[in-house]
């Protein structure tokens, strides 16, 4: 098969057509430097130029969406590079009233898309870039931490009012990201799990607002990926979202890729155990994991990727092994 570029490979995978090799992408945080738009853009450009992934998952800090409302976060050395909210904005029920409209052309929201714009300019459209957009309910949890769940059940009107504001802000941020050069969203849902909520609760407080954001970017985004974080995710519900790609922790939680590709008719993203196999010194285990992922899907409608961000201590040898194992094997060799 004639070699494909990144766009051709992704578009063929979404269409369920043969690819020269499965698409592959890994992503990681750049803690502390992700607080500076110039440094973040530099890392993202270097990361892509070094590894030549098929998708750039843009990597702002995971708390960018709550700090303009007054939440305070810090990086405390987490292995995955994520920041932690150390002072939530919502500590009492009445605090939900403080979640008022924001101008996403200012503050921390603006800085994320400034960094993305610099990255997009440097990469020149050669590869799809997805800005990380958190679901409104995910943002609400970061604003309130664990008290969200009690408020959601006891003071639903206050939470829904805040979710309305968060959704409107998130839509404007996503549209600005597209104007800045993003080709779509990496839409992260961290509460679409039966360990946190019932399906009825997620449909009301999560899905209803999520779908507004997907509707807002319809016809403007070229490619969207939905990330379901955690264990026991509501896969059947999420598979109904209007997204091109679906990513979850397939190596540590159900379903596996084989069942996932049967239940989601576009591209499944996974196959790499970012905290397990990827961190082992046994590089052959990584090769076997890549091979297994391709075999589970017959190399169709698959992008090799992690279940979530890879640890910041991941070795270059491990990344090179993932990339090499994918690119050394055409789908024809696997089938």
C-alpha atoms as a PDB file:
ATOM      1  CA  UNK A   1       0.000   0.000   0.000  1.00  0.00           C
ATOM      2  CA  UNK A   2       1.185   3.509  -0.802  1.00  0.00           C
ATOM      3  CA  UNK A   3       2.395   5.373   2.325  1.00  0.00           C
ATOM      4  CA  UNK A   4      -0.179   7.725   3.845  1.00  0.00           C
ATOM      5  CA  UNK A   5       0.298  11.041   5.593  1.00  0.00           C
ATOM      6  CA  UNK A   6      -1.238  11.687   9.010  1.00  0.00           C
ATOM      7  CA  UNK A   7      -4.503  13.075   7.678  1.00  0.00           C
ATOM      8  CA  UNK A   8      -4.983  10.298   5.143  1.00  0.00           C
ATOM      9  CA  UNK A   9      -4.294   7.649   7.770  1.00  0.00           C
ATOM     10  CA  UNK A  10      -6.751   9.111  10.293  1.00  0.00           C
ATOM     11  CA  UNK A  11      -9.469   9.699   7.700  1.00  0.00           C
ATOM     12  CA  UNK A  12      -9.132   6.160   6.354  1.00  0.00           C
ATOM     13  CA  UNK A  13      -9.303   4.718   9.869  1.00  0.00           C
ATOM     14  CA  UNK A  14     -12.484   6.679  10.631  1.00  0.00           C
ATOM     15  CA  UNK A  15     -14.042   5.428   7.391  1.00  0.00           C
ATOM     16  CA  UNK A  16     -13.109   1.844   8.272  1.00  0.00           C
ATOM     17  CA  UNK A  17     -10.882   1.615   5.217  1.00  0.00           C
ATOM     18  CA  UNK A  18      -7.455  -0.061   5.008  1.00  0.00           C
ATOM     19  CA  UNK A  19      -4.490   1.945   6.267  1.00  0.00           C
ATOM     20  CA  UNK A  20      -0.808   1.588   5.495  1.00  0.00           C
ATOM     21  CA  UNK A  21      -0.260   1.219   9.245  1.00  0.00           C
ATOM     22  CA  UNK A  22      -2.496   1.939  12.233  1.00  0.00           C
ATOM     23  CA  UNK A  23      -2.378   5.528  13.462  1.00  0.00           C
ATOM     24  CA  UNK A  24      -0.505   6.035  16.725  1.00  0.00           C
ATOM     25  CA  UNK A  25      -0.254   8.853  19.269  1.00  0.00           C
ATOM     26  CA  UNK A  26       0.956   9.233  22.838  1.00  0.00           C
ATOM     27  CA  UNK A  27       0.551  12.282  25.042  1.00  0.00           C
ATOM     28  CA  UNK A  28       1.975  13.538  28.344  1.00  0.00           C
ATOM     29  CA  UNK A  29       1.915  16.560  30.630  1.00  0.00           C
ATOM     30  CA  UNK A  30       4.749  19.062  30.979  1.00  0.00           C
ATOM     31  CA  UNK A  31       4.275  20.147  34.607  1.00  0.00           C
ATOM     32  CA  UNK A  32       5.096  23.697  35.645  1.00  0.00           C
ATOM     33  CA  UNK A  33       6.148  24.600  32.102  1.00  0.00           C
ATOM     34  CA  UNK A  34       2.486  24.194  31.135  1.00  0.00           C
ATOM     35  CA  UNK A  35       1.810  27.419  33.072  1.00  0.00           C
ATOM     36  CA  UNK A  36       3.690  29.414  30.417  1.00  0.00           C
ATOM     37  CA  UNK A  37       2.142  29.504  26.922  1.00  0.00           C
ATOM     38  CA  UNK A  38       5.498  29.851  25.203  1.00  0.00           C
ATOM     39  CA  UNK A  39       7.071  26.951  27.072  1.00  0.00           C
ATOM     40  CA  UNK A  40       3.997  24.752  26.566  1.00  0.00           C
ATOM     41  CA  UNK A  41       3.975  25.453  22.835  1.00  0.00           C
ATOM     42  CA  UNK A  42       7.679  24.664  22.660  1.00  0.00           C
ATOM     43  CA  UNK A  43       7.177  21.309  24.325  1.00  0.00           C
ATOM     44  CA  UNK A  44       4.245  20.417  22.076  1.00  0.00           C
ATOM     45  CA  UNK A  45       6.170  21.310  18.922  1.00  0.00           C
ATOM     46  CA  UNK A  46       9.252  19.371  20.027  1.00  0.00           C
ATOM     47  CA  UNK A  47       7.151  16.356  21.061  1.00  0.00           C
ATOM     48  CA  UNK A  48       5.505  16.129  17.665  1.00  0.00           C
ATOM     49  CA  UNK A  49       8.630  16.790  15.639  1.00  0.00           C
ATOM     50  CA  UNK A  50      10.485  14.140  17.578  1.00  0.00           C
ATOM     51  CA  UNK A  51       7.912  11.356  17.379  1.00  0.00           C
ATOM     52  CA  UNK A  52       5.792  12.269  14.348  1.00  0.00           C
ATOM     53  CA  UNK A  53       2.522  11.062  15.871  1.00  0.00           C
ATOM     54  CA  UNK A  54      -0.669  10.914  13.822  1.00  0.00           C
ATOM     55  CA  UNK A  55      -2.587  13.201  16.202  1.00  0.00           C
ATOM     56  CA  UNK A  56      -1.384  15.963  18.511  1.00  0.00           C
ATOM     57  CA  UNK A  57      -3.385  15.860  21.715  1.00  0.00           C
ATOM     58  CA  UNK A  58      -2.724  19.344  23.073  1.00  0.00           C
ATOM     59  CA  UNK A  59      -1.625  19.257  26.716  1.00  0.00           C
ATOM     60  CA  UNK A  60      -2.680  22.230  28.837  1.00  0.00           C
ATOM     61  CA  UNK A  61      -2.733  21.576  32.552  1.00  0.00           C
ATOM     62  CA  UNK A  62      -5.781  19.713  33.768  1.00  0.00           C
ATOM     63  CA  UNK A  63      -6.856  22.634  35.963  1.00  0.00           C
ATOM     64  CA  UNK A  64      -6.821  25.422  33.386  1.00  0.00           C
ATOM     65  CA  UNK A  65     -10.615  25.485  33.289  1.00  0.00           C
ATOM     66  CA  UNK A  66     -11.199  26.336  36.957  1.00  0.00           C
ATOM     67  CA  UNK A  67      -8.531  28.879  37.856  1.00  0.00           C
ATOM     68  CA  UNK A  68     -10.235  31.893  36.288  1.00  0.00           C
ATOM     69  CA  UNK A  69     -13.145  31.191  38.656  1.00  0.00           C
ATOM     70  CA  UNK A  70     -10.787  31.321  41.631  1.00  0.00           C
ATOM     71  CA  UNK A  71      -9.781  27.711  42.272  1.00  0.00           C
ATOM     72  CA  UNK A  72      -6.115  27.282  43.190  1.00  0.00           C
ATOM     73  CA  UNK A  73      -4.000  24.377  41.958  1.00  0.00           C
ATOM     74  CA  UNK A  74      -0.436  23.165  42.297  1.00  0.00           C
ATOM     75  CA  UNK A  75       1.822  20.489  40.906  1.00  0.00           C
ATOM     76  CA  UNK A  76       2.826  18.258  43.794  1.00  0.00           C
ATOM     77  CA  UNK A  77       4.942  15.732  41.929  1.00  0.00           C
ATOM     78  CA  UNK A  78       2.205  13.432  40.608  1.00  0.00           C
ATOM     79  CA  UNK A  79       3.773  10.777  38.326  1.00  0.00           C
ATOM     80  CA  UNK A  80       1.423  11.665  35.479  1.00  0.00           C
ATOM     81  CA  UNK A  81       2.324  15.361  35.676  1.00  0.00           C
ATOM     82  CA  UNK A  82      -1.191  16.491  36.585  1.00  0.00           C
ATOM     83  CA  UNK A  83      -1.892  19.474  38.816  1.00  0.00           C
ATOM     84  CA  UNK A  84      -4.107  19.155  41.898  1.00  0.00           C
ATOM     85  CA  UNK A  85      -6.779  21.586  43.090  1.00  0.00           C
ATOM     86  CA  UNK A  86      -5.685  22.586  46.576  1.00  0.00           C
ATOM     87  CA  UNK A  87      -8.271  25.314  47.173  1.00  0.00           C
ATOM     88  CA  UNK A  88     -11.617  24.722  45.487  1.00  0.00           C
ATOM     89  CA  UNK A  89     -13.845  27.632  44.509  1.00  0.00           C
ATOM     90  CA  UNK A  90     -16.977  25.943  45.788  1.00  0.00           C
ATOM     91  CA  UNK A  91     -16.831  24.974  49.463  1.00  0.00           C
ATOM     92  CA  UNK A  92     -20.452  25.804  50.374  1.00  0.00           C
ATOM     93  CA  UNK A  93     -23.648  25.365  48.418  1.00  0.00           C
ATOM     94  CA  UNK A  94     -24.058  29.123  47.965  1.00  0.00           C
ATOM     95  CA  UNK A  95     -20.652  29.264  46.280  1.00  0.00           C
ATOM     96  CA  UNK A  96     -22.166  27.823  43.112  1.00  0.00           C
ATOM     97  CA  UNK A  97     -23.617  31.307  42.618  1.00  0.00           C
ATOM     98  CA  UNK A  98     -20.062  32.598  42.155  1.00  0.00           C
ATOM     99  CA  UNK A  99     -19.712  30.598  38.934  1.00  0.00           C
ATOM    100  CA  UNK A 100     -20.490  33.490  36.629  1.00  0.00           C
ATOM    101  CA  UNK A 101     -19.761  34.064  32.969  1.00  0.00           C
ATOM    102  CA  UNK A 102     -16.120  34.468  31.882  1.00  0.00           C
ATOM    103  CA  UNK A 103     -14.435  36.086  28.907  1.00  0.00           C
ATOM    104  CA  UNK A 104     -12.375  33.287  27.356  1.00  0.00           C
ATOM    105  CA  UNK A 105     -10.330  35.881  25.487  1.00  0.00           C
ATOM    106  CA  UNK A 106      -8.731  36.736  28.811  1.00  0.00           C
ATOM    107  CA  UNK A 107      -6.936  34.949  31.614  1.00  0.00           C
ATOM    108  CA  UNK A 108      -6.025  31.293  31.737  1.00  0.00           C
ATOM    109  CA  UNK A 109      -8.486  30.263  29.047  1.00  0.00           C
ATOM    110  CA  UNK A 110      -6.844  32.722  26.666  1.00  0.00           C
ATOM    111  CA  UNK A 111      -3.364  31.428  27.469  1.00  0.00           C
ATOM    112  CA  UNK A 112      -4.245  27.881  26.442  1.00  0.00           C
ATOM    113  CA  UNK A 113      -5.369  28.905  22.990  1.00  0.00           C
ATOM    114  CA  UNK A 114      -2.425  31.273  22.596  1.00  0.00           C
ATOM    115  CA  UNK A 115      -0.149  28.276  23.173  1.00  0.00           C
ATOM    116  CA  UNK A 116      -2.178  26.197  20.749  1.00  0.00           C
ATOM    117  CA  UNK A 117      -2.027  28.917  18.089  1.00  0.00           C
ATOM    118  CA  UNK A 118       1.771  28.989  18.279  1.00  0.00           C
ATOM    119  CA  UNK A 119       1.880  25.201  17.980  1.00  0.00           C
ATOM    120  CA  UNK A 120      -0.517  25.143  15.052  1.00  0.00           C
ATOM    121  CA  UNK A 121       1.499  27.774  13.222  1.00  0.00           C
ATOM    122  CA  UNK A 122       4.724  25.798  13.663  1.00  0.00           C
ATOM    123  CA  UNK A 123       3.211  22.488  12.538  1.00  0.00           C
ATOM    124  CA  UNK A 124       1.514  24.053   9.545  1.00  0.00           C
ATOM    125  CA  UNK A 125      -1.534  21.786   9.330  1.00  0.00           C
ATOM    126  CA  UNK A 126       0.564  18.669   8.792  1.00  0.00           C
ATOM    127  CA  UNK A 127      -1.189  16.760  11.580  1.00  0.00           C
ATOM    128  CA  UNK A 128      -4.550  17.015  13.364  1.00  0.00           C
ATOM    129  CA  UNK A 129      -4.362  19.040  16.585  1.00  0.00           C
ATOM    130  CA  UNK A 130      -7.007  18.493  19.258  1.00  0.00           C
ATOM    131  CA  UNK A 131      -7.429  21.016  22.055  1.00  0.00           C
ATOM    132  CA  UNK A 132      -8.245  19.435  25.412  1.00  0.00           C
ATOM    133  CA  UNK A 133     -11.769  20.443  26.419  1.00  0.00           C
ATOM    134  CA  UNK A 134     -13.170  19.202  29.721  1.00  0.00           C
ATOM    135  CA  UNK A 135     -16.793  18.232  30.096  1.00  0.00           C
ATOM    136  CA  UNK A 136     -18.769  20.775  32.124  1.00  0.00           C
ATOM    137  CA  UNK A 137     -19.413  18.227  34.873  1.00  0.00           C
ATOM    138  CA  UNK A 138     -15.683  17.487  35.057  1.00  0.00           C
ATOM    139  CA  UNK A 139     -15.033  21.206  35.486  1.00  0.00           C
ATOM    140  CA  UNK A 140     -17.714  21.409  38.166  1.00  0.00           C
ATOM    141  CA  UNK A 141     -16.027  18.639  40.124  1.00  0.00           C
ATOM    142  CA  UNK A 142     -12.687  20.444  39.984  1.00  0.00           C
ATOM    143  CA  UNK A 143     -14.391  23.607  41.221  1.00  0.00           C
ATOM    144  CA  UNK A 144     -15.993  21.822  44.164  1.00  0.00           C
ATOM    145  CA  UNK A 145     -13.965  18.596  44.489  1.00  0.00           C
ATOM    146  CA  UNK A 146     -15.894  15.800  46.210  1.00  0.00           C
ATOM    147  CA  UNK A 147     -18.723  17.923  47.569  1.00  0.00           C
ATOM    148  CA  UNK A 148     -20.094  18.061  44.024  1.00  0.00           C
ATOM    149  CA  UNK A 149     -21.789  14.703  44.489  1.00  0.00           C
ATOM    150  CA  UNK A 150     -23.776  15.742  47.553  1.00  0.00           C
ATOM    151  CA  UNK A 151     -24.757  19.068  46.010  1.00  0.00           C
ATOM    152  CA  UNK A 152     -25.735  17.401  42.763  1.00  0.00           C
ATOM    153  CA  UNK A 153     -28.229  15.238  44.673  1.00  0.00           C
ATOM    154  CA  UNK A 154     -29.375  17.695  47.345  1.00  0.00           C
ATOM    155  CA  UNK A 155     -29.135  21.053  45.587  1.00  0.00           C
ATOM    156  CA  UNK A 156     -29.536  20.117  41.935  1.00  0.00           C
ATOM    157  CA  UNK A 157     -30.868  23.534  40.881  1.00  0.00           C
ATOM    158  CA  UNK A 158     -27.699  25.283  42.097  1.00  0.00           C
ATOM    159  CA  UNK A 159     -25.455  22.779  40.323  1.00  0.00           C
ATOM    160  CA  UNK A 160     -27.462  22.911  37.094  1.00  0.00           C
ATOM    161  CA  UNK A 161     -27.317  26.694  37.088  1.00  0.00           C
ATOM    162  CA  UNK A 162     -23.529  26.545  37.373  1.00  0.00           C
ATOM    163  CA  UNK A 163     -23.341  23.862  34.685  1.00  0.00           C
ATOM    164  CA  UNK A 164     -25.270  26.180  32.366  1.00  0.00           C
ATOM    165  CA  UNK A 165     -22.622  28.868  32.818  1.00  0.00           C
ATOM    166  CA  UNK A 166     -19.723  26.405  32.523  1.00  0.00           C
ATOM    167  CA  UNK A 167     -21.181  24.966  29.321  1.00  0.00           C
ATOM    168  CA  UNK A 168     -21.521  28.366  27.677  1.00  0.00           C
ATOM    169  CA  UNK A 169     -17.936  29.249  28.603  1.00  0.00           C
ATOM    170  CA  UNK A 170     -16.688  25.871  27.374  1.00  0.00           C
ATOM    171  CA  UNK A 171     -18.436  26.311  24.029  1.00  0.00           C
ATOM    172  CA  UNK A 172     -16.772  29.668  23.477  1.00  0.00           C
ATOM    173  CA  UNK A 173     -13.401  28.245  24.491  1.00  0.00           C
ATOM    174  CA  UNK A 174     -13.791  25.331  22.049  1.00  0.00           C
ATOM    175  CA  UNK A 175     -14.791  27.649  19.209  1.00  0.00           C
ATOM    176  CA  UNK A 176     -11.846  29.933  19.965  1.00  0.00           C
ATOM    177  CA  UNK A 177      -9.566  26.892  19.900  1.00  0.00           C
ATOM    178  CA  UNK A 178     -10.765  26.103  16.391  1.00  0.00           C
ATOM    179  CA  UNK A 179     -10.115  29.709  15.366  1.00  0.00           C
ATOM    180  CA  UNK A 180      -6.621  29.400  16.871  1.00  0.00           C
ATOM    181  CA  UNK A 181      -5.771  26.419  14.696  1.00  0.00           C
ATOM    182  CA  UNK A 182      -7.176  23.353  16.445  1.00  0.00           C
ATOM    183  CA  UNK A 183      -8.831  20.814  14.167  1.00  0.00           C
ATOM    184  CA  UNK A 184     -11.144  19.565  16.886  1.00  0.00           C
ATOM    185  CA  UNK A 185     -11.528  18.622  20.531  1.00  0.00           C
ATOM    186  CA  UNK A 186     -10.102  16.022  22.833  1.00  0.00           C
ATOM    187  CA  UNK A 187     -13.213  16.014  24.993  1.00  0.00           C
ATOM    188  CA  UNK A 188     -12.396  14.641  28.446  1.00  0.00           C
ATOM    189  CA  UNK A 189     -15.167  13.226  30.614  1.00  0.00           C
ATOM    190  CA  UNK A 190     -13.958  12.221  34.070  1.00  0.00           C
ATOM    191  CA  UNK A 191     -17.316  11.375  35.668  1.00  0.00           C
ATOM    192  CA  UNK A 192     -18.994   9.129  33.087  1.00  0.00           C
ATOM    193  CA  UNK A 193     -18.341   6.157  35.321  1.00  0.00           C
ATOM    194  CA  UNK A 194     -20.720   4.002  37.322  1.00  0.00           C
ATOM    195  CA  UNK A 195     -18.301   4.398  40.235  1.00  0.00           C
ATOM    196  CA  UNK A 196     -19.367   8.036  40.511  1.00  0.00           C
ATOM    197  CA  UNK A 197     -22.898   8.385  39.150  1.00  0.00           C
ATOM    198  CA  UNK A 198     -25.866   6.420  37.897  1.00  0.00           C
ATOM    199  CA  UNK A 199     -26.547   6.539  34.192  1.00  0.00           C
ATOM    200  CA  UNK A 200     -29.646   8.659  34.802  1.00  0.00           C
ATOM    201  CA  UNK A 201     -27.568  11.146  36.790  1.00  0.00           C
ATOM    202  CA  UNK A 202     -24.943  11.351  34.090  1.00  0.00           C
ATOM    203  CA  UNK A 203     -27.545  11.782  31.368  1.00  0.00           C
ATOM    204  CA  UNK A 204     -29.016  14.739  33.270  1.00  0.00           C
ATOM    205  CA  UNK A 205     -25.925  16.476  34.623  1.00  0.00           C
ATOM    206  CA  UNK A 206     -23.323  15.286  32.129  1.00  0.00           C
ATOM    207  CA  UNK A 207     -24.504  14.126  28.751  1.00  0.00           C
ATOM    208  CA  UNK A 208     -27.115  16.856  28.271  1.00  0.00           C
ATOM    209  CA  UNK A 209     -24.461  19.554  28.539  1.00  0.00           C
ATOM    210  CA  UNK A 210     -21.769  17.541  26.727  1.00  0.00           C
ATOM    211  CA  UNK A 211     -23.919  17.217  23.623  1.00  0.00           C
ATOM    212  CA  UNK A 212     -24.448  20.981  23.479  1.00  0.00           C
ATOM    213  CA  UNK A 213     -20.700  21.392  23.053  1.00  0.00           C
ATOM    214  CA  UNK A 214     -20.480  18.770  20.321  1.00  0.00           C
ATOM    215  CA  UNK A 215     -23.395  20.470  18.559  1.00  0.00           C
ATOM    216  CA  UNK A 216     -21.648  23.847  18.770  1.00  0.00           C
ATOM    217  CA  UNK A 217     -18.521  22.587  16.971  1.00  0.00           C
ATOM    218  CA  UNK A 218     -20.386  20.493  14.405  1.00  0.00           C
ATOM    219  CA  UNK A 219     -19.365  21.507  10.905  1.00  0.00           C
ATOM    220  CA  UNK A 220     -16.397  23.470  12.278  1.00  0.00           C
ATOM    221  CA  UNK A 221     -14.272  20.695  13.801  1.00  0.00           C
ATOM    222  CA  UNK A 222     -12.697  18.184  11.435  1.00  0.00           C
ATOM    223  CA  UNK A 223     -12.022  15.572  14.094  1.00  0.00           C
ATOM    224  CA  UNK A 224     -13.097  15.006  17.705  1.00  0.00           C
ATOM    225  CA  UNK A 225     -11.980  12.442  20.270  1.00  0.00           C
ATOM    226  CA  UNK A 226     -13.921  11.557  23.417  1.00  0.00           C
ATOM    227  CA  UNK A 227     -11.930  10.382  26.415  1.00  0.00           C
ATOM    228  CA  UNK A 228     -13.735   8.425  29.145  1.00  0.00           C
ATOM    229  CA  UNK A 229     -11.628   8.523  32.295  1.00  0.00           C
ATOM    230  CA  UNK A 230     -11.545   5.864  34.969  1.00  0.00           C
ATOM    231  CA  UNK A 231     -12.947   2.406  35.502  1.00  0.00           C
ATOM    232  CA  UNK A 232     -16.437   1.071  34.781  1.00  0.00           C
ATOM    233  CA  UNK A 233     -17.212   3.789  32.257  1.00  0.00           C
ATOM    234  CA  UNK A 234     -20.638   4.113  30.664  1.00  0.00           C
ATOM    235  CA  UNK A 235     -19.356   2.816  27.376  1.00  0.00           C
ATOM    236  CA  UNK A 236     -22.702   2.104  25.717  1.00  0.00           C
ATOM    237  CA  UNK A 237     -23.897   5.619  26.501  1.00  0.00           C
ATOM    238  CA  UNK A 238     -20.675   7.283  25.365  1.00  0.00           C
ATOM    239  CA  UNK A 239     -20.640   5.280  22.142  1.00  0.00           C
ATOM    240  CA  UNK A 240     -23.732   7.274  21.131  1.00  0.00           C
ATOM    241  CA  UNK A 241     -21.845  10.590  21.238  1.00  0.00           C
ATOM    242  CA  UNK A 242     -21.193  12.248  17.846  1.00  0.00           C
ATOM    243  CA  UNK A 243     -17.439  11.764  18.074  1.00  0.00           C
ATOM    244  CA  UNK A 244     -14.967  10.324  15.577  1.00  0.00           C
ATOM    245  CA  UNK A 245     -12.731   8.624  18.129  1.00  0.00           C
ATOM    246  CA  UNK A 246     -13.323   7.078  21.556  1.00  0.00           C
ATOM    247  CA  UNK A 247     -10.547   6.580  24.107  1.00  0.00           C
ATOM    248  CA  UNK A 248     -10.767   4.771  27.450  1.00  0.00           C
ATOM    249  CA  UNK A 249      -8.629   2.629  29.773  1.00  0.00           C
ATOM    250  CA  UNK A 250      -9.103  -0.525  27.718  1.00  0.00           C
ATOM    251  CA  UNK A 251      -6.165  -2.383  29.286  1.00  0.00           C
ATOM    252  CA  UNK A 252      -7.384  -1.972  32.860  1.00  0.00           C
ATOM    253  CA  UNK A 253     -11.150  -1.680  32.499  1.00  0.00           C
ATOM    254  CA  UNK A 254     -13.941  -3.068  30.339  1.00  0.00           C
ATOM    255  CA  UNK A 255     -14.554  -3.247  27.469  1.00  0.00           C
ATOM    256  CA  UNK A 256     -11.428  -4.480  25.736  1.00  0.00           C
ATOM    257  CA  UNK A 257     -10.603  -3.208  22.266  1.00  0.00           C
ATOM    258  CA  UNK A 258     -12.252  -6.164  20.541  1.00  0.00           C
ATOM    259  CA  UNK A 259     -15.585  -5.461  22.221  1.00  0.00           C
ATOM    260  CA  UNK A 260     -15.092  -1.712  21.958  1.00  0.00           C
ATOM    261  CA  UNK A 261     -14.651  -1.725  18.203  1.00  0.00           C
ATOM    262  CA  UNK A 262     -17.824  -3.830  17.954  1.00  0.00           C
ATOM    263  CA  UNK A 263     -19.783  -1.316  20.014  1.00  0.00           C
ATOM    264  CA  UNK A 264     -18.424   1.919  18.542  1.00  0.00           C
ATOM    265  CA  UNK A 265     -18.551   2.237  14.784  1.00  0.00           C
ATOM    266  CA  UNK A 266     -15.748   4.721  14.313  1.00  0.00           C
ATOM    267  CA  UNK A 267     -12.174   4.711  15.711  1.00  0.00           C
ATOM    268  CA  UNK A 268     -11.236   3.214  19.076  1.00  0.00           C
ATOM    269  CA  UNK A 269      -8.113   4.650  20.691  1.00  0.00           C
ATOM    270  CA  UNK A 270      -6.068   2.575  23.099  1.00  0.00           C
ATOM    271  CA  UNK A 271      -4.117  -0.634  23.404  1.00  0.00           C
ATOM    272  CA  UNK A 272      -1.244   0.773  25.488  1.00  0.00           C
ATOM    273  CA  UNK A 273      -1.167   0.268  29.265  1.00  0.00           C
ATOM    274  CA  UNK A 274       0.535   3.534  30.146  1.00  0.00           C
ATOM    275  CA  UNK A 275       1.158   2.726  33.819  1.00  0.00           C
ATOM    276  CA  UNK A 276       1.929  -0.951  33.339  1.00  0.00           C
ATOM    277  CA  UNK A 277       3.533  -2.287  30.202  1.00  0.00           C
ATOM    278  CA  UNK A 278       4.831   1.069  28.991  1.00  0.00           C
ATOM    279  CA  UNK A 279       6.813   1.561  32.194  1.00  0.00           C
ATOM    280  CA  UNK A 280       8.421  -1.882  32.231  1.00  0.00           C
ATOM    281  CA  UNK A 281      12.047  -2.368  31.172  1.00  0.00           C
ATOM    282  CA  UNK A 282      10.921  -5.268  28.959  1.00  0.00           C
ATOM    283  CA  UNK A 283      10.546  -3.615  25.553  1.00  0.00           C
ATOM    284  CA  UNK A 284       9.379  -6.877  24.019  1.00  0.00           C
ATOM    285  CA  UNK A 285       6.310  -6.703  26.262  1.00  0.00           C
ATOM    286  CA  UNK A 286       5.471  -3.367  24.660  1.00  0.00           C
ATOM    287  CA  UNK A 287       5.832  -4.891  21.207  1.00  0.00           C
ATOM    288  CA  UNK A 288       3.513  -7.736  22.212  1.00  0.00           C
ATOM    289  CA  UNK A 289       0.951  -5.294  23.535  1.00  0.00           C
ATOM    290  CA  UNK A 290       0.965  -3.331  20.279  1.00  0.00           C
ATOM    291  CA  UNK A 291       0.627  -6.543  18.313  1.00  0.00           C
ATOM    292  CA  UNK A 292      -2.253  -7.706  20.497  1.00  0.00           C
ATOM    293  CA  UNK A 293      -4.134  -4.419  20.027  1.00  0.00           C
ATOM    294  CA  UNK A 294      -3.826  -4.689  16.258  1.00  0.00           C
ATOM    295  CA  UNK A 295      -4.913  -8.315  16.326  1.00  0.00           C
ATOM    296  CA  UNK A 296      -7.973  -7.499  18.474  1.00  0.00           C
ATOM    297  CA  UNK A 297      -9.208  -5.042  15.859  1.00  0.00           C
ATOM    298  CA  UNK A 298      -7.670  -6.585  12.762  1.00  0.00           C
ATOM    299  CA  UNK A 299      -5.982  -3.206  12.349  1.00  0.00           C
ATOM    300  CA  UNK A 300      -9.223  -1.476  11.358  1.00  0.00           C
ATOM    301  CA  UNK A 301     -10.794   1.523  13.091  1.00  0.00           C
ATOM    302  CA  UNK A 302      -7.921   1.628  15.578  1.00  0.00           C
ATOM    303  CA  UNK A 303      -5.469   4.257  16.757  1.00  0.00           C
ATOM    304  CA  UNK A 304      -2.805   2.968  19.130  1.00  0.00           C
ATOM    305  CA  UNK A 305      -2.691   5.171  22.195  1.00  0.00           C
ATOM    306  CA  UNK A 306      -2.645   5.188  25.998  1.00  0.00           C
ATOM    307  CA  UNK A 307      -5.689   4.867  28.203  1.00  0.00           C
ATOM    308  CA  UNK A 308      -4.801   8.319  29.554  1.00  0.00           C
ATOM    309  CA  UNK A 309      -1.714  10.531  29.808  1.00  0.00           C
ATOM    310  CA  UNK A 310       1.559   8.636  29.985  1.00  0.00           C
ATOM    311  CA  UNK A 311       3.746   9.177  33.059  1.00  0.00           C
ATOM    312  CA  UNK A 312       6.292  11.937  32.692  1.00  0.00           C
ATOM    313  CA  UNK A 313       9.069   9.454  33.471  1.00  0.00           C
ATOM    314  CA  UNK A 314       8.297   7.289  30.426  1.00  0.00           C
ATOM    315  CA  UNK A 315      11.532   6.442  28.654  1.00  0.00           C
ATOM    316  CA  UNK A 316      12.417   7.395  25.124  1.00  0.00           C
ATOM    317  CA  UNK A 317      13.110   3.723  24.482  1.00  0.00           C
ATOM    318  CA  UNK A 318       9.551   2.829  25.453  1.00  0.00           C
ATOM    319  CA  UNK A 319       8.040   5.488  23.185  1.00  0.00           C
ATOM    320  CA  UNK A 320      10.325   4.487  20.331  1.00  0.00           C
ATOM    321  CA  UNK A 321       9.283   0.870  20.818  1.00  0.00           C
ATOM    322  CA  UNK A 322       5.580   1.728  20.529  1.00  0.00           C
ATOM    323  CA  UNK A 323       6.154   3.774  17.399  1.00  0.00           C
ATOM    324  CA  UNK A 324       8.498   1.229  15.873  1.00  0.00           C
ATOM    325  CA  UNK A 325       6.196  -1.706  16.606  1.00  0.00           C
ATOM    326  CA  UNK A 326       3.294   0.046  14.909  1.00  0.00           C
ATOM    327  CA  UNK A 327       5.212   1.236  11.881  1.00  0.00           C
ATOM    328  CA  UNK A 328       7.075  -2.014  11.348  1.00  0.00           C
ATOM    329  CA  UNK A 329       3.792  -3.852  10.834  1.00  0.00           C
ATOM    330  CA  UNK A 330       1.339  -3.139   8.078  1.00  0.00           C
ATOM    331  CA  UNK A 331      -2.246  -4.222   8.583  1.00  0.00           C
ATOM    332  CA  UNK A 332      -1.750  -6.769   5.826  1.00  0.00           C
ATOM    333  CA  UNK A 333       0.918  -8.481   7.916  1.00  0.00           C
ATOM    334  CA  UNK A 334      -1.421  -8.676  10.889  1.00  0.00           C
ATOM    335  CA  UNK A 335      -4.603  -9.738   9.086  1.00  0.00           C
END
